[in-house]
Amino acid sequence: MEYFDYFSYDKVTTGSELEEEHFEGVTS
């Protein structure tokens, strides 16, 4: 459960806890 909590939508919308390497190759 901790793993899925780490990659939840709440983390994406609220803060910058995720590192940039997780979004490598993702563009608009």
mmCIF file of all heavy atoms, coordinates in Angstrom:
data_MODEL
# 
_entry.id   MODEL 
# 
loop_
_atom_site.group_PDB 
_atom_site.id 
_atom_site.type_symbol 
_atom_site.label_atom_id 
_atom_site.label_alt_id 
_atom_site.label_comp_id 
_atom_site.label_asym_id 
_atom_site.label_entity_id 
_atom_site.label_seq_id 
_atom_site.pdbx_PDB_ins_code 
_atom_site.Cartn_x 
_atom_site.Cartn_y 
_atom_site.Cartn_z 
_atom_site.occupancy 
_atom_site.B_iso_or_equiv 
_atom_site.pdbx_formal_charge 
_atom_site.auth_seq_id 
_atom_site.auth_comp_id 
_atom_site.auth_asym_id 
_atom_site.auth_atom_id 
_atom_site.pdbx_PDB_model_num 
ATOM 1   N N   . MET A 1 1  ? 0.834  -1.203 0.000   1.00 0.00 ? 1  MET A N   1 
ATOM 2   C CA  . MET A 1 1  ? 0.000  0.000  0.000   1.00 0.00 ? 1  MET A CA  1 
ATOM 3   C C   . MET A 1 1  ? 0.866  1.249  0.000   1.00 0.00 ? 1  MET A C   1 
ATOM 4   O O   . MET A 1 1  ? 0.512  2.253  -0.602  1.00 0.00 ? 1  MET A O   1 
ATOM 5   C CB  . MET A 1 1  ? -0.921 -0.013 1.215   1.00 0.00 ? 1  MET A CB  1 
ATOM 6   C CG  . MET A 1 1  ? -2.003 -1.098 1.164   1.00 0.00 ? 1  MET A CG  1 
ATOM 7   S SD  . MET A 1 1  ? -3.127 -0.863 -0.211  1.00 0.00 ? 1  MET A SD  1 
ATOM 8   C CE  . MET A 1 1  ? -3.903 0.658  0.312   1.00 0.00 ? 1  MET A CE  1 
ATOM 9   N N   . GLU A 1 2  ? 2.004  1.206  0.665   1.00 0.00 ? 2  GLU A N   1 
ATOM 10  C CA  . GLU A 1 2  ? 2.877  2.376  0.720   1.00 0.00 ? 2  GLU A CA  1 
ATOM 11  C C   . GLU A 1 2  ? 3.383  2.735  -0.678  1.00 0.00 ? 2  GLU A C   1 
ATOM 12  O O   . GLU A 1 2  ? 3.519  3.901  -1.037  1.00 0.00 ? 2  GLU A O   1 
ATOM 13  C CB  . GLU A 1 2  ? 4.054  2.102  1.661   1.00 0.00 ? 2  GLU A CB  1 
ATOM 14  C CG  . GLU A 1 2  ? 3.635  1.916  3.109   1.00 0.00 ? 2  GLU A CG  1 
ATOM 15  C CD  . GLU A 1 2  ? 4.834  1.632  3.994   1.00 0.00 ? 2  GLU A CD  1 
ATOM 16  O OE1 . GLU A 1 2  ? 5.945  1.557  3.441   1.00 0.00 ? 2  GLU A OE1 1 
ATOM 17  O OE2 . GLU A 1 2  ? 4.637  1.504  5.217   1.00 0.00 ? 2  GLU A OE2 1 
ATOM 18  N N   . TYR A 1 3  ? 3.641  1.726  -1.473  1.00 0.00 ? 3  TYR A N   1 
ATOM 19  C CA  . TYR A 1 3  ? 4.155  1.968  -2.830  1.00 0.00 ? 3  TYR A CA  1 
ATOM 20  C C   . TYR A 1 3  ? 3.112  2.720  -3.666  1.00 0.00 ? 3  TYR A C   1 
ATOM 21  O O   . TYR A 1 3  ? 3.415  3.691  -4.352  1.00 0.00 ? 3  TYR A O   1 
ATOM 22  C CB  . TYR A 1 3  ? 4.511  0.636  -3.492  1.00 0.00 ? 3  TYR A CB  1 
ATOM 23  C CG  . TYR A 1 3  ? 5.010  0.774  -4.914  1.00 0.00 ? 3  TYR A CG  1 
ATOM 24  C CD1 . TYR A 1 3  ? 6.319  1.162  -5.183  1.00 0.00 ? 3  TYR A CD1 1 
ATOM 25  C CD2 . TYR A 1 3  ? 4.147  0.542  -5.974  1.00 0.00 ? 3  TYR A CD2 1 
ATOM 26  C CE1 . TYR A 1 3  ? 6.750  1.296  -6.484  1.00 0.00 ? 3  TYR A CE1 1 
ATOM 27  C CE2 . TYR A 1 3  ? 4.574  0.668  -7.283  1.00 0.00 ? 3  TYR A CE2 1 
ATOM 28  C CZ  . TYR A 1 3  ? 5.890  1.040  -7.533  1.00 0.00 ? 3  TYR A CZ  1 
ATOM 29  O OH  . TYR A 1 3  ? 6.330  1.169  -8.814  1.00 0.00 ? 3  TYR A OH  1 
ATOM 30  N N   . PHE A 1 4  ? 1.853  2.285  -3.577  1.00 0.00 ? 4  PHE A N   1 
ATOM 31  C CA  . PHE A 1 4  ? 0.805  2.932  -4.356  1.00 0.00 ? 4  PHE A CA  1 
ATOM 32  C C   . PHE A 1 4  ? 0.478  4.305  -3.802  1.00 0.00 ? 4  PHE A C   1 
ATOM 33  O O   . PHE A 1 4  ? 0.101  5.202  -4.558  1.00 0.00 ? 4  PHE A O   1 
ATOM 34  C CB  . PHE A 1 4  ? -0.448 2.055  -4.390  1.00 0.00 ? 4  PHE A CB  1 
ATOM 35  C CG  . PHE A 1 4  ? -0.269 0.812  -5.205  1.00 0.00 ? 4  PHE A CG  1 
ATOM 36  C CD1 . PHE A 1 4  ? -0.105 -0.425 -4.598  1.00 0.00 ? 4  PHE A CD1 1 
ATOM 37  C CD2 . PHE A 1 4  ? -0.233 0.887  -6.585  1.00 0.00 ? 4  PHE A CD2 1 
ATOM 38  C CE1 . PHE A 1 4  ? 0.064  -1.555 -5.357  1.00 0.00 ? 4  PHE A CE1 1 
ATOM 39  C CE2 . PHE A 1 4  ? -0.064 -0.257 -7.353  1.00 0.00 ? 4  PHE A CE2 1 
ATOM 40  C CZ  . PHE A 1 4  ? 0.092  -1.475 -6.732  1.00 0.00 ? 4  PHE A CZ  1 
ATOM 41  N N   . ASP A 1 5  ? 0.612  4.472  -2.491  1.00 0.00 ? 5  ASP A N   1 
ATOM 42  C CA  . ASP A 1 5  ? 0.393  5.795  -1.900  1.00 0.00 ? 5  ASP A CA  1 
ATOM 43  C C   . ASP A 1 5  ? 1.434  6.781  -2.404  1.00 0.00 ? 5  ASP A C   1 
ATOM 44  O O   . ASP A 1 5  ? 1.154  7.959  -2.608  1.00 0.00 ? 5  ASP A O   1 
ATOM 45  C CB  . ASP A 1 5  ? 0.438  5.707  -0.376  1.00 0.00 ? 5  ASP A CB  1 
ATOM 46  C CG  . ASP A 1 5  ? -0.774 4.964  0.164   1.00 0.00 ? 5  ASP A CG  1 
ATOM 47  O OD1 . ASP A 1 5  ? -1.764 4.874  -0.606  1.00 0.00 ? 5  ASP A OD1 1 
ATOM 48  O OD2 . ASP A 1 5  ? -0.718 4.460  1.299   1.00 0.00 ? 5  ASP A OD2 1 
ATOM 49  N N   . TYR A 1 6  ? 2.632  6.301  -2.638  1.00 0.00 ? 6  TYR A N   1 
ATOM 50  C CA  . TYR A 1 6  ? 3.722  7.172  -3.080  1.00 0.00 ? 6  TYR A CA  1 
ATOM 51  C C   . TYR A 1 6  ? 3.447  7.729  -4.480  1.00 0.00 ? 6  TYR A C   1 
ATOM 52  O O   . TYR A 1 6  ? 3.789  8.863  -4.801  1.00 0.00 ? 6  TYR A O   1 
ATOM 53  C CB  . TYR A 1 6  ? 5.035  6.385  -3.069  1.00 0.00 ? 6  TYR A CB  1 
ATOM 54  C CG  . TYR A 1 6  ? 6.243  7.218  -3.425  1.00 0.00 ? 6  TYR A CG  1 
ATOM 55  C CD1 . TYR A 1 6  ? 6.732  8.163  -2.533  1.00 0.00 ? 6  TYR A CD1 1 
ATOM 56  C CD2 . TYR A 1 6  ? 6.863  7.051  -4.648  1.00 0.00 ? 6  TYR A CD2 1 
ATOM 57  C CE1 . TYR A 1 6  ? 7.853  8.923  -2.864  1.00 0.00 ? 6  TYR A CE1 1 
ATOM 58  C CE2 . TYR A 1 6  ? 7.974  7.801  -4.993  1.00 0.00 ? 6  TYR A CE2 1 
ATOM 59  C CZ  . TYR A 1 6  ? 8.477  8.741  -4.087  1.00 0.00 ? 6  TYR A CZ  1 
ATOM 60  O OH  . TYR A 1 6  ? 9.572  9.496  -4.417  1.00 0.00 ? 6  TYR A OH  1 
ATOM 61  N N   . PHE A 1 7  ? 2.777  6.915  -5.305  1.00 0.00 ? 7  PHE A N   1 
ATOM 62  C CA  . PHE A 1 7  ? 2.478  7.331  -6.672  1.00 0.00 ? 7  PHE A CA  1 
ATOM 63  C C   . PHE A 1 7  ? 1.003  7.672  -6.839  1.00 0.00 ? 7  PHE A C   1 
ATOM 64  O O   . PHE A 1 7  ? 0.418  7.411  -7.869  1.00 0.00 ? 7  PHE A O   1 
ATOM 65  C CB  . PHE A 1 7  ? 2.855  6.230  -7.661  1.00 0.00 ? 7  PHE A CB  1 
ATOM 66  C CG  . PHE A 1 7  ? 4.333  6.052  -7.825  1.00 0.00 ? 7  PHE A CG  1 
ATOM 67  C CD1 . PHE A 1 7  ? 5.013  5.042  -7.184  1.00 0.00 ? 7  PHE A CD1 1 
ATOM 68  C CD2 . PHE A 1 7  ? 5.049  6.927  -8.629  1.00 0.00 ? 7  PHE A CD2 1 
ATOM 69  C CE1 . PHE A 1 7  ? 6.369  4.889  -7.325  1.00 0.00 ? 7  PHE A CE1 1 
ATOM 70  C CE2 . PHE A 1 7  ? 6.420  6.765  -8.792  1.00 0.00 ? 7  PHE A CE2 1 
ATOM 71  C CZ  . PHE A 1 7  ? 7.084  5.759  -8.139  1.00 0.00 ? 7  PHE A CZ  1 
ATOM 72  N N   . SER A 1 8  ? 0.375  8.204  -5.833  1.00 0.00 ? 8  SER A N   1 
ATOM 73  C CA  . SER A 1 8  ? -1.032 8.569  -5.921  1.00 0.00 ? 8  SER A CA  1 
ATOM 74  C C   . SER A 1 8  ? -1.178 9.926  -6.613  1.00 0.00 ? 8  SER A C   1 
ATOM 75  O O   . SER A 1 8  ? -0.221 10.681 -6.752  1.00 0.00 ? 8  SER A O   1 
ATOM 76  C CB  . SER A 1 8  ? -1.667 8.610  -4.528  1.00 0.00 ? 8  SER A CB  1 
ATOM 77  O OG  . SER A 1 8  ? -1.061 9.645  -3.774  1.00 0.00 ? 8  SER A OG  1 
ATOM 78  N N   . TYR A 1 9  ? -2.417 10.232 -7.027  1.00 0.00 ? 9  TYR A N   1 
ATOM 79  C CA  . TYR A 1 9  ? -2.684 11.509 -7.695  1.00 0.00 ? 9  TYR A CA  1 
ATOM 80  C C   . TYR A 1 9  ? -2.544 12.683 -6.729  1.00 0.00 ? 9  TYR A C   1 
ATOM 81  O O   . TYR A 1 9  ? -2.285 13.806 -7.152  1.00 0.00 ? 9  TYR A O   1 
ATOM 82  C CB  . TYR A 1 9  ? -4.089 11.493 -8.304  1.00 0.00 ? 9  TYR A CB  1 
ATOM 83  C CG  . TYR A 1 9  ? -4.188 10.674 -9.560  1.00 0.00 ? 9  TYR A CG  1 
ATOM 84  C CD1 . TYR A 1 9  ? -4.760 9.411  -9.543  1.00 0.00 ? 9  TYR A CD1 1 
ATOM 85  C CD2 . TYR A 1 9  ? -3.700 11.168 -10.762 1.00 0.00 ? 9  TYR A CD2 1 
ATOM 86  C CE1 . TYR A 1 9  ? -4.839 8.649  -10.687 1.00 0.00 ? 9  TYR A CE1 1 
ATOM 87  C CE2 . TYR A 1 9  ? -3.777 10.415 -11.916 1.00 0.00 ? 9  TYR A CE2 1 
ATOM 88  C CZ  . TYR A 1 9  ? -4.340 9.168  -11.877 1.00 0.00 ? 9  TYR A CZ  1 
ATOM 89  O OH  . TYR A 1 9  ? -4.415 8.428  -13.026 1.00 0.00 ? 9  TYR A OH  1 
ATOM 90  N N   . ASP A 1 10 ? -2.730 12.416 -5.442  1.00 0.00 ? 10 ASP A N   1 
ATOM 91  C CA  . ASP A 1 10 ? -2.594 13.501 -4.456  1.00 0.00 ? 10 ASP A CA  1 
ATOM 92  C C   . ASP A 1 10 ? -1.179 14.058 -4.447  1.00 0.00 ? 10 ASP A C   1 
ATOM 93  O O   . ASP A 1 10 ? -0.962 15.263 -4.349  1.00 0.00 ? 10 ASP A O   1 
ATOM 94  C CB  . ASP A 1 10 ? -2.967 12.993 -3.058  1.00 0.00 ? 10 ASP A CB  1 
ATOM 95  C CG  . ASP A 1 10 ? -4.422 12.565 -2.999  1.00 0.00 ? 10 ASP A CG  1 
ATOM 96  O OD1 . ASP A 1 10 ? -5.203 13.087 -3.829  1.00 0.00 ? 10 ASP A OD1 1 
ATOM 97  O OD2 . ASP A 1 10 ? -4.762 11.709 -2.160  1.00 0.00 ? 10 ASP A OD2 1 
ATOM 98  N N   . LYS A 1 11 ? -0.210 13.186 -4.556  1.00 0.00 ? 11 LYS A N   1 
ATOM 99  C CA  . LYS A 1 11 ? 1.180  13.619 -4.574  1.00 0.00 ? 11 LYS A CA  1 
ATOM 100 C C   . LYS A 1 11 ? 1.482  14.464 -5.804  1.00 0.00 ? 11 LYS A C   1 
ATOM 101 O O   . LYS A 1 11 ? 2.250  15.414 -5.737  1.00 0.00 ? 11 LYS A O   1 
ATOM 102 C CB  . LYS A 1 11 ? 2.103  12.398 -4.554  1.00 0.00 ? 11 LYS A CB  1 
ATOM 103 C CG  . LYS A 1 11 ? 1.936  11.501 -3.339  1.00 0.00 ? 11 LYS A CG  1 
ATOM 104 C CD  . LYS A 1 11 ? 2.494  12.156 -2.095  1.00 0.00 ? 11 LYS A CD  1 
ATOM 105 C CE  . LYS A 1 11 ? 2.409  11.207 -0.897  1.00 0.00 ? 11 LYS A CE  1 
ATOM 106 N NZ  . LYS A 1 11 ? 2.955  11.836 0.328   1.00 0.00 ? 11 LYS A NZ  1 
ATOM 107 N N   . VAL A 1 12 ? 0.870  14.095 -6.919  1.00 0.00 ? 12 VAL A N   1 
ATOM 108 C CA  . VAL A 1 12 ? 1.143  14.813 -8.169  1.00 0.00 ? 12 VAL A CA  1 
ATOM 109 C C   . VAL A 1 12 ? 0.541  16.199 -8.121  1.00 0.00 ? 12 VAL A C   1 
ATOM 110 O O   . VAL A 1 12 ? 1.131  17.174 -8.567  1.00 0.00 ? 12 VAL A O   1 
ATOM 111 C CB  . VAL A 1 12 ? 0.579  14.031 -9.372  1.00 0.00 ? 12 VAL A CB  1 
ATOM 112 C CG1 . VAL A 1 12 ? 0.764  14.813 -10.666 1.00 0.00 ? 12 VAL A CG1 1 
ATOM 113 C CG2 . VAL A 1 12 ? 1.269  12.686 -9.481  1.00 0.00 ? 12 VAL A CG2 1 
ATOM 114 N N   . THR A 1 13 ? -0.623 16.333 -7.553  1.00 0.00 ? 13 THR A N   1 
ATOM 115 C CA  . THR A 1 13 ? -1.316 17.620 -7.601  1.00 0.00 ? 13 THR A CA  1 
ATOM 116 C C   . THR A 1 13 ? -0.841 18.574 -6.513  1.00 0.00 ? 13 THR A C   1 
ATOM 117 O O   . THR A 1 13 ? -0.829 19.780 -6.705  1.00 0.00 ? 13 THR A O   1 
ATOM 118 C CB  . THR A 1 13 ? -2.821 17.406 -7.447  1.00 0.00 ? 13 THR A CB  1 
ATOM 119 O OG1 . THR A 1 13 ? -3.070 16.661 -6.255  1.00 0.00 ? 13 THR A OG1 1 
ATOM 120 C CG2 . THR A 1 13 ? -3.365 16.628 -8.633  1.00 0.00 ? 13 THR A CG2 1 
ATOM 121 N N   . THR A 1 14 ? -0.461 18.059 -5.375  1.00 0.00 ? 14 THR A N   1 
ATOM 122 C CA  . THR A 1 14 ? -0.190 18.940 -4.230  1.00 0.00 ? 14 THR A CA  1 
ATOM 123 C C   . THR A 1 14 ? 1.244  19.424 -4.164  1.00 0.00 ? 14 THR A C   1 
ATOM 124 O O   . THR A 1 14 ? 1.513  20.612 -4.047  1.00 0.00 ? 14 THR A O   1 
ATOM 125 C CB  . THR A 1 14 ? -0.525 18.218 -2.926  1.00 0.00 ? 14 THR A CB  1 
ATOM 126 O OG1 . THR A 1 14 ? 0.227  16.987 -2.886  1.00 0.00 ? 14 THR A OG1 1 
ATOM 127 C CG2 . THR A 1 14 ? -2.007 17.878 -2.867  1.00 0.00 ? 14 THR A CG2 1 
ATOM 128 N N   . GLY A 1 15 ? 2.188  18.548 -4.293  1.00 0.00 ? 15 GLY A N   1 
ATOM 129 C CA  . GLY A 1 15 ? 3.541  18.990 -4.019  1.00 0.00 ? 15 GLY A CA  1 
ATOM 130 C C   . GLY A 1 15 ? 4.561  18.492 -5.007  1.00 0.00 ? 15 GLY A C   1 
ATOM 131 O O   . GLY A 1 15 ? 4.246  17.931 -6.043  1.00 0.00 ? 15 GLY A O   1 
ATOM 132 N N   . SER A 1 16 ? 5.796  18.682 -4.641  1.00 0.00 ? 16 SER A N   1 
ATOM 133 C CA  . SER A 1 16 ? 6.915  18.316 -5.527  1.00 0.00 ? 16 SER A CA  1 
ATOM 134 C C   . SER A 1 16 ? 7.750  17.210 -4.886  1.00 0.00 ? 16 SER A C   1 
ATOM 135 O O   . SER A 1 16 ? 8.975  17.258 -4.920  1.00 0.00 ? 16 SER A O   1 
ATOM 136 C CB  . SER A 1 16 ? 7.775  19.544 -5.799  1.00 0.00 ? 16 SER A CB  1 
ATOM 137 O OG  . SER A 1 16 ? 8.256  20.087 -4.586  1.00 0.00 ? 16 SER A OG  1 
ATOM 138 N N   . GLU A 1 17 ? 7.083  16.286 -4.202  1.00 0.00 ? 17 GLU A N   1 
ATOM 139 C CA  . GLU A 1 17 ? 7.815  15.204 -3.561  1.00 0.00 ? 17 GLU A CA  1 
ATOM 140 C C   . GLU A 1 17 ? 8.373  14.209 -4.578  1.00 0.00 ? 17 GLU A C   1 
ATOM 141 O O   . GLU A 1 17 ? 9.335  13.510 -4.313  1.00 0.00 ? 17 GLU A O   1 
ATOM 142 C CB  . GLU A 1 17 ? 6.897  14.486 -2.566  1.00 0.00 ? 17 GLU A CB  1 
ATOM 143 C CG  . GLU A 1 17 ? 6.432  15.385 -1.423  1.00 0.00 ? 17 GLU A CG  1 
ATOM 144 C CD  . GLU A 1 17 ? 5.590  14.604 -0.444  1.00 0.00 ? 17 GLU A CD  1 
ATOM 145 O OE1 . GLU A 1 17 ? 5.611  13.360 -0.549  1.00 0.00 ? 17 GLU A OE1 1 
ATOM 146 O OE2 . GLU A 1 17 ? 4.930  15.222 0.396   1.00 0.00 ? 17 GLU A OE2 1 
ATOM 147 N N   . LEU A 1 18 ? 7.695  14.108 -5.755  1.00 0.00 ? 18 LEU A N   1 
ATOM 148 C CA  . LEU A 1 18 ? 8.206  13.219 -6.793  1.00 0.00 ? 18 LEU A CA  1 
ATOM 149 C C   . LEU A 1 18 ? 9.399  13.855 -7.494  1.00 0.00 ? 18 LEU A C   1 
ATOM 150 O O   . LEU A 1 18 ? 9.407  15.055 -7.773  1.00 0.00 ? 18 LEU A O   1 
ATOM 151 C CB  . LEU A 1 18 ? 7.114  12.916 -7.818  1.00 0.00 ? 18 LEU A CB  1 
ATOM 152 C CG  . LEU A 1 18 ? 5.933  12.090 -7.302  1.00 0.00 ? 18 LEU A CG  1 
ATOM 153 C CD1 . LEU A 1 18 ? 4.875  11.984 -8.393  1.00 0.00 ? 18 LEU A CD1 1 
ATOM 154 C CD2 . LEU A 1 18 ? 6.384  10.706 -6.889  1.00 0.00 ? 18 LEU A CD2 1 
ATOM 155 N N   . GLU A 1 19 ? 10.361 13.055 -7.779  1.00 0.00 ? 19 GLU A N   1 
ATOM 156 C CA  . GLU A 1 19 ? 11.550 13.565 -8.451  1.00 0.00 ? 19 GLU A CA  1 
ATOM 157 C C   . GLU A 1 19 ? 11.308 13.681 -9.954  1.00 0.00 ? 19 GLU A C   1 
ATOM 158 O O   . GLU A 1 19 ? 10.407 13.067 -10.519 1.00 0.00 ? 19 GLU A O   1 
ATOM 159 C CB  . GLU A 1 19 ? 12.719 12.611 -8.187  1.00 0.00 ? 19 GLU A CB  1 
ATOM 160 C CG  . GLU A 1 19 ? 13.051 12.482 -6.698  1.00 0.00 ? 19 GLU A CG  1 
ATOM 161 C CD  . GLU A 1 19 ? 14.189 11.503 -6.476  1.00 0.00 ? 19 GLU A CD  1 
ATOM 162 O OE1 . GLU A 1 19 ? 14.685 10.972 -7.485  1.00 0.00 ? 19 GLU A OE1 1 
ATOM 163 O OE2 . GLU A 1 19 ? 14.551 11.286 -5.311  1.00 0.00 ? 19 GLU A OE2 1 
ATOM 164 N N   . GLU A 1 20 ? 12.152 14.446 -10.628 1.00 0.00 ? 20 GLU A N   1 
ATOM 165 C CA  . GLU A 1 20 ? 11.985 14.701 -12.066 1.00 0.00 ? 20 GLU A CA  1 
ATOM 166 C C   . GLU A 1 20 ? 12.256 13.442 -12.899 1.00 0.00 ? 20 GLU A C   1 
ATOM 167 O O   . GLU A 1 20 ? 11.746 13.300 -14.000 1.00 0.00 ? 20 GLU A O   1 
ATOM 168 C CB  . GLU A 1 20 ? 12.919 15.819 -12.517 1.00 0.00 ? 20 GLU A CB  1 
ATOM 169 C CG  . GLU A 1 20 ? 12.566 17.170 -11.924 1.00 0.00 ? 20 GLU A CG  1 
ATOM 170 C CD  . GLU A 1 20 ? 13.481 18.256 -12.461 1.00 0.00 ? 20 GLU A CD  1 
ATOM 171 O OE1 . GLU A 1 20 ? 14.384 17.907 -13.272 1.00 0.00 ? 20 GLU A OE1 1 
ATOM 172 O OE2 . GLU A 1 20 ? 13.294 19.426 -12.102 1.00 0.00 ? 20 GLU A OE2 1 
ATOM 173 N N   . GLU A 1 21 ? 13.066 12.525 -12.379 1.00 0.00 ? 21 GLU A N   1 
ATOM 174 C CA  . GLU A 1 21 ? 13.392 11.329 -13.160 1.00 0.00 ? 21 GLU A CA  1 
ATOM 175 C C   . GLU A 1 21 ? 12.176 10.451 -13.405 1.00 0.00 ? 21 GLU A C   1 
ATOM 176 O O   . GLU A 1 21 ? 12.122 9.672  -14.359 1.00 0.00 ? 21 GLU A O   1 
ATOM 177 C CB  . GLU A 1 21 ? 14.457 10.523 -12.444 1.00 0.00 ? 21 GLU A CB  1 
ATOM 178 C CG  . GLU A 1 21 ? 14.024 10.028 -11.066 1.00 0.00 ? 21 GLU A CG  1 
ATOM 179 C CD  . GLU A 1 21 ? 15.138 9.267  -10.366 1.00 0.00 ? 21 GLU A CD  1 
ATOM 180 O OE1 . GLU A 1 21 ? 16.276 9.319  -10.843 1.00 0.00 ? 21 GLU A OE1 1 
ATOM 181 O OE2 . GLU A 1 21 ? 14.835 8.637  -9.343  1.00 0.00 ? 21 GLU A OE2 1 
ATOM 182 N N   . HIS A 1 22 ? 11.144 10.592 -12.562 1.00 0.00 ? 22 HIS A N   1 
ATOM 183 C CA  . HIS A 1 22 ? 9.937  9.815  -12.772 1.00 0.00 ? 22 HIS A CA  1 
ATOM 184 C C   . HIS A 1 22 ? 9.163  10.287 -13.992 1.00 0.00 ? 22 HIS A C   1 
ATOM 185 O O   . HIS A 1 22 ? 8.331  9.566  -14.528 1.00 0.00 ? 22 HIS A O   1 
ATOM 186 C CB  . HIS A 1 22 ? 9.032  9.881  -11.528 1.00 0.00 ? 22 HIS A CB  1 
ATOM 187 C CG  . HIS A 1 22 ? 9.639  9.216  -10.324 1.00 0.00 ? 22 HIS A CG  1 
ATOM 188 N ND1 . HIS A 1 22 ? 10.076 9.932  -9.229  1.00 0.00 ? 22 HIS A ND1 1 
ATOM 189 C CD2 . HIS A 1 22 ? 9.898  7.915  -10.048 1.00 0.00 ? 22 HIS A CD2 1 
ATOM 190 C CE1 . HIS A 1 22 ? 10.574 9.099  -8.329  1.00 0.00 ? 22 HIS A CE1 1 
ATOM 191 N NE2 . HIS A 1 22 ? 10.476 7.864  -8.795  1.00 0.00 ? 22 HIS A NE2 1 
ATOM 192 N N   . PHE A 1 23 ? 9.382  11.521 -14.434 1.00 0.00 ? 23 PHE A N   1 
ATOM 193 C CA  . PHE A 1 23 ? 8.665  12.094 -15.571 1.00 0.00 ? 23 PHE A CA  1 
ATOM 194 C C   . PHE A 1 23 ? 9.567  12.246 -16.790 1.00 0.00 ? 23 PHE A C   1 
ATOM 195 O O   . PHE A 1 23 ? 9.285  13.034 -17.683 1.00 0.00 ? 23 PHE A O   1 
ATOM 196 C CB  . PHE A 1 23 ? 8.093  13.469 -15.199 1.00 0.00 ? 23 PHE A CB  1 
ATOM 197 C CG  . PHE A 1 23 ? 7.092  13.406 -14.077 1.00 0.00 ? 23 PHE A CG  1 
ATOM 198 C CD1 . PHE A 1 23 ? 7.473  13.706 -12.772 1.00 0.00 ? 23 PHE A CD1 1 
ATOM 199 C CD2 . PHE A 1 23 ? 5.785  13.040 -14.323 1.00 0.00 ? 23 PHE A CD2 1 
ATOM 200 C CE1 . PHE A 1 23 ? 6.561  13.646 -11.739 1.00 0.00 ? 23 PHE A CE1 1 
ATOM 201 C CE2 . PHE A 1 23 ? 4.871  12.982 -13.288 1.00 0.00 ? 23 PHE A CE2 1 
ATOM 202 C CZ  . PHE A 1 23 ? 5.253  13.279 -11.996 1.00 0.00 ? 23 PHE A CZ  1 
ATOM 203 N N   . GLU A 1 24 ? 10.631 11.490 -16.851 1.00 0.00 ? 24 GLU A N   1 
ATOM 204 C CA  . GLU A 1 24 ? 11.533 11.590 -17.995 1.00 0.00 ? 24 GLU A CA  1 
ATOM 205 C C   . GLU A 1 24 ? 10.845 11.067 -19.258 1.00 0.00 ? 24 GLU A C   1 
ATOM 206 O O   . GLU A 1 24 ? 10.280 9.968  -19.270 1.00 0.00 ? 24 GLU A O   1 
ATOM 207 C CB  . GLU A 1 24 ? 12.797 10.765 -17.735 1.00 0.00 ? 24 GLU A CB  1 
ATOM 208 C CG  . GLU A 1 24 ? 13.825 10.905 -18.845 1.00 0.00 ? 24 GLU A CG  1 
ATOM 209 C CD  . GLU A 1 24 ? 15.089 10.103 -18.548 1.00 0.00 ? 24 GLU A CD  1 
ATOM 210 O OE1 . GLU A 1 24 ? 15.164 9.527  -17.433 1.00 0.00 ? 24 GLU A OE1 1 
ATOM 211 O OE2 . GLU A 1 24 ? 15.966 10.067 -19.394 1.00 0.00 ? 24 GLU A OE2 1 
ATOM 212 N N   . GLY A 1 25 ? 10.881 11.839 -20.312 1.00 0.00 ? 25 GLY A N   1 
ATOM 213 C CA  . GLY A 1 25 ? 10.235 11.474 -21.562 1.00 0.00 ? 25 GLY A CA  1 
ATOM 214 C C   . GLY A 1 25 ? 8.781  11.855 -21.649 1.00 0.00 ? 25 GLY A C   1 
ATOM 215 O O   . GLY A 1 25 ? 8.150  11.677 -22.699 1.00 0.00 ? 25 GLY A O   1 
ATOM 216 N N   . VAL A 1 26 ? 8.190  12.391 -20.589 1.00 0.00 ? 26 VAL A N   1 
ATOM 217 C CA  . VAL A 1 26 ? 6.791  12.795 -20.588 1.00 0.00 ? 26 VAL A CA  1 
ATOM 218 C C   . VAL A 1 26 ? 6.720  14.275 -20.932 1.00 0.00 ? 26 VAL A C   1 
ATOM 219 O O   . VAL A 1 26 ? 7.295  15.122 -20.242 1.00 0.00 ? 26 VAL A O   1 
ATOM 220 C CB  . VAL A 1 26 ? 6.128  12.534 -19.226 1.00 0.00 ? 26 VAL A CB  1 
ATOM 221 C CG1 . VAL A 1 26 ? 4.667  12.999 -19.247 1.00 0.00 ? 26 VAL A CG1 1 
ATOM 222 C CG2 . VAL A 1 26 ? 6.203  11.060 -18.885 1.00 0.00 ? 26 VAL A CG2 1 
ATOM 223 N N   . THR A 1 27 ? 6.056  14.590 -22.050 1.00 0.00 ? 27 THR A N   1 
ATOM 224 C CA  . THR A 1 27 ? 5.907  15.982 -22.488 1.00 0.00 ? 27 THR A CA  1 
ATOM 225 C C   . THR A 1 27 ? 4.439  16.254 -22.783 1.00 0.00 ? 27 THR A C   1 
ATOM 226 O O   . THR A 1 27 ? 3.592  15.363 -22.708 1.00 0.00 ? 27 THR A O   1 
ATOM 227 C CB  . THR A 1 27 ? 6.745  16.250 -23.756 1.00 0.00 ? 27 THR A CB  1 
ATOM 228 O OG1 . THR A 1 27 ? 6.249  15.427 -24.809 1.00 0.00 ? 27 THR A OG1 1 
ATOM 229 C CG2 . THR A 1 27 ? 8.221  15.911 -23.513 1.00 0.00 ? 27 THR A CG2 1 
ATOM 230 N N   . SER A 1 28 ? 4.171  17.486 -23.143 1.00 0.00 ? 28 SER A N   1 
ATOM 231 C CA  . SER A 1 28 ? 2.805  17.874 -23.488 1.00 0.00 ? 28 SER A CA  1 
ATOM 232 C C   . SER A 1 28 ? 2.471  17.556 -24.939 1.00 0.00 ? 28 SER A C   1 
ATOM 233 O O   . SER A 1 28 ? 1.353  17.807 -25.382 1.00 0.00 ? 28 SER A O   1 
ATOM 234 C CB  . SER A 1 28 ? 2.629  19.385 -23.247 1.00 0.00 ? 28 SER A CB  1 
ATOM 235 O OG  . SER A 1 28 ? 3.554  20.105 -24.051 1.00 0.00 ? 28 SER A OG  1 
# 
